[in-house]
Amino acid sequence: MGTGACEYTAPDVFEVGDEGVVKIIGPVPEDDKKVRDAVAECPVGALKLLGPDD
């Protein structure tokens, strides 16, 4: 289920396609507040931040 919350919060990084699936469309800046907020606000918990060692 793609609600679009991540795309609204970080539109340079996330995009919800017509099929409702979230895609990463741009570079994910390290320690970016918008990306952290998008992950935290995901209502279905579909997003997770991983570090370089994960």
N, C-alpha and C. Protein backbone atom coordinates (compact mmCIF):
# COMPACT_ATOMS: atom_id res chain seq x y z
N MET A 1 0.84 -1.17 0.00
CA MET A 1 0.00 0.00 0.00
C MET A 1 0.89 1.24 0.00
N GLY A 2 0.78 2.06 -0.97
CA GLY A 2 1.55 3.29 -1.04
C GLY A 2 0.68 4.48 -0.71
N THR A 3 0.91 5.10 0.43
CA THR A 3 0.09 6.23 0.84
C THR A 3 0.61 7.55 0.28
N GLY A 4 1.87 7.57 -0.09
CA GLY A 4 2.47 8.79 -0.62
C GLY A 4 3.08 9.69 0.44
N ALA A 5 3.02 9.30 1.71
CA ALA A 5 3.58 10.13 2.78
C ALA A 5 5.08 10.32 2.59
N CYS A 6 5.79 9.29 2.19
CA CYS A 6 7.24 9.42 2.01
C CYS A 6 7.55 10.32 0.82
N GLU A 7 6.79 10.20 -0.24
CA GLU A 7 6.99 11.04 -1.43
C GLU A 7 6.71 12.51 -1.09
N TYR A 8 5.69 12.74 -0.30
CA TYR A 8 5.36 14.11 0.11
C TYR A 8 6.48 14.70 0.97
N THR A 9 7.05 13.89 1.86
CA THR A 9 8.06 14.36 2.80
C THR A 9 9.44 14.51 2.15
N ALA A 10 9.80 13.58 1.27
CA ALA A 10 11.13 13.61 0.62
C ALA A 10 10.98 13.31 -0.87
N PRO A 11 10.40 14.25 -1.63
CA PRO A 11 10.09 13.99 -3.04
C PRO A 11 11.31 13.80 -3.94
N ASP A 12 12.47 14.23 -3.52
CA ASP A 12 13.67 14.02 -4.32
C ASP A 12 14.22 12.60 -4.17
N VAL A 13 13.69 11.86 -3.20
CA VAL A 13 14.20 10.52 -2.91
C VAL A 13 13.17 9.44 -3.22
N PHE A 14 11.91 9.68 -2.87
CA PHE A 14 10.87 8.65 -3.00
C PHE A 14 9.82 9.02 -4.04
N GLU A 15 9.27 7.98 -4.67
CA GLU A 15 8.16 8.15 -5.61
C GLU A 15 7.24 6.95 -5.47
N VAL A 16 5.93 7.22 -5.39
CA VAL A 16 4.94 6.15 -5.37
C VAL A 16 4.38 6.03 -6.77
N GLY A 17 4.59 4.87 -7.39
CA GLY A 17 4.12 4.65 -8.75
C GLY A 17 2.63 4.36 -8.81
N ASP A 18 2.12 4.22 -10.01
CA ASP A 18 0.69 3.96 -10.22
C ASP A 18 0.22 2.68 -9.54
N GLU A 19 1.15 1.73 -9.38
CA GLU A 19 0.80 0.45 -8.74
C GLU A 19 0.85 0.52 -7.22
N GLY A 20 1.20 1.69 -6.66
CA GLY A 20 1.23 1.87 -5.22
C GLY A 20 2.50 1.42 -4.54
N VAL A 21 3.55 1.18 -5.31
CA VAL A 21 4.82 0.72 -4.76
C VAL A 21 5.79 1.90 -4.70
N VAL A 22 6.46 2.03 -3.57
CA VAL A 22 7.44 3.10 -3.37
C VAL A 22 8.75 2.73 -4.05
N LYS A 23 9.31 3.69 -4.77
CA LYS A 23 10.61 3.50 -5.42
C LYS A 23 11.55 4.59 -4.94
N ILE A 24 12.82 4.24 -4.81
CA ILE A 24 13.84 5.23 -4.52
C ILE A 24 14.29 5.78 -5.87
N ILE A 25 14.12 7.08 -6.05
CA ILE A 25 14.41 7.68 -7.36
C ILE A 25 15.64 8.58 -7.36
N GLY A 26 16.19 8.82 -6.19
CA GLY A 26 17.35 9.69 -6.13
C GLY A 26 18.30 9.22 -5.07
N PRO A 27 19.44 9.86 -4.99
CA PRO A 27 20.39 9.46 -3.95
C PRO A 27 19.81 9.72 -2.56
N VAL A 28 20.15 8.85 -1.64
CA VAL A 28 19.69 9.00 -0.26
C VAL A 28 20.82 9.66 0.52
N PRO A 29 20.66 10.96 0.78
CA PRO A 29 21.72 11.66 1.50
C PRO A 29 21.90 11.09 2.90
N GLU A 30 23.13 10.91 3.30
CA GLU A 30 23.41 10.37 4.62
C GLU A 30 22.94 11.36 5.69
N ASP A 31 22.20 10.85 6.66
CA ASP A 31 21.71 11.62 7.80
C ASP A 31 20.85 12.81 7.37
N ASP A 32 19.99 12.59 6.37
CA ASP A 32 19.09 13.64 5.89
C ASP A 32 17.81 13.64 6.71
N LYS A 33 17.44 14.79 7.26
CA LYS A 33 16.26 14.89 8.10
C LYS A 33 14.97 14.53 7.35
N LYS A 34 14.84 14.95 6.11
CA LYS A 34 13.63 14.64 5.35
C LYS A 34 13.47 13.14 5.17
N VAL A 35 14.56 12.45 4.89
CA VAL A 35 14.49 10.99 4.71
C VAL A 35 14.16 10.32 6.04
N ARG A 36 14.80 10.75 7.11
CA ARG A 36 14.48 10.18 8.44
C ARG A 36 13.01 10.40 8.78
N ASP A 37 12.51 11.60 8.50
CA ASP A 37 11.10 11.90 8.76
C ASP A 37 10.18 11.03 7.92
N ALA A 38 10.52 10.84 6.65
CA ALA A 38 9.70 10.01 5.77
C ALA A 38 9.62 8.58 6.27
N VAL A 39 10.74 8.05 6.72
CA VAL A 39 10.76 6.68 7.26
C VAL A 39 9.93 6.61 8.54
N ALA A 40 10.09 7.58 9.41
CA ALA A 40 9.35 7.59 10.68
C ALA A 40 7.85 7.75 10.47
N GLU A 41 7.45 8.49 9.44
CA GLU A 41 6.03 8.77 9.20
C GLU A 41 5.34 7.72 8.34
N CYS A 42 6.06 6.75 7.84
CA CYS A 42 5.44 5.72 6.98
C CYS A 42 4.37 4.98 7.79
N PRO A 43 3.10 5.11 7.41
CA PRO A 43 2.03 4.53 8.21
C PRO A 43 1.98 3.01 8.21
N VAL A 44 2.64 2.37 7.28
CA VAL A 44 2.62 0.91 7.23
C VAL A 44 3.98 0.30 7.60
N GLY A 45 4.94 1.13 7.98
CA GLY A 45 6.25 0.63 8.40
C GLY A 45 7.03 -0.05 7.30
N ALA A 46 6.80 0.37 6.07
CA ALA A 46 7.44 -0.28 4.92
C ALA A 46 8.87 0.17 4.68
N LEU A 47 9.27 1.28 5.31
CA LEU A 47 10.60 1.83 5.06
C LEU A 47 11.50 1.60 6.28
N LYS A 48 12.77 1.38 5.99
CA LYS A 48 13.74 1.18 7.06
C LYS A 48 15.07 1.77 6.60
N LEU A 49 15.72 2.50 7.49
CA LEU A 49 17.03 3.05 7.18
C LEU A 49 18.11 2.05 7.57
N LEU A 50 19.03 1.84 6.67
CA LEU A 50 20.16 0.96 6.94
C LEU A 50 21.45 1.76 6.80
N GLY A 51 22.42 1.44 7.60
CA GLY A 51 23.71 2.08 7.51
C GLY A 51 24.60 1.34 6.53
N PRO A 52 25.80 1.85 6.29
CA PRO A 52 26.70 1.23 5.32
C PRO A 52 27.15 -0.17 5.70
N ASP A 53 27.06 -0.52 6.98
CA ASP A 53 27.48 -1.85 7.42
C ASP A 53 26.35 -2.86 7.49
N ASP A 54 25.11 -2.43 7.13
CA ASP A 54 23.94 -3.32 7.22
C ASP A 54 23.78 -4.16 5.99
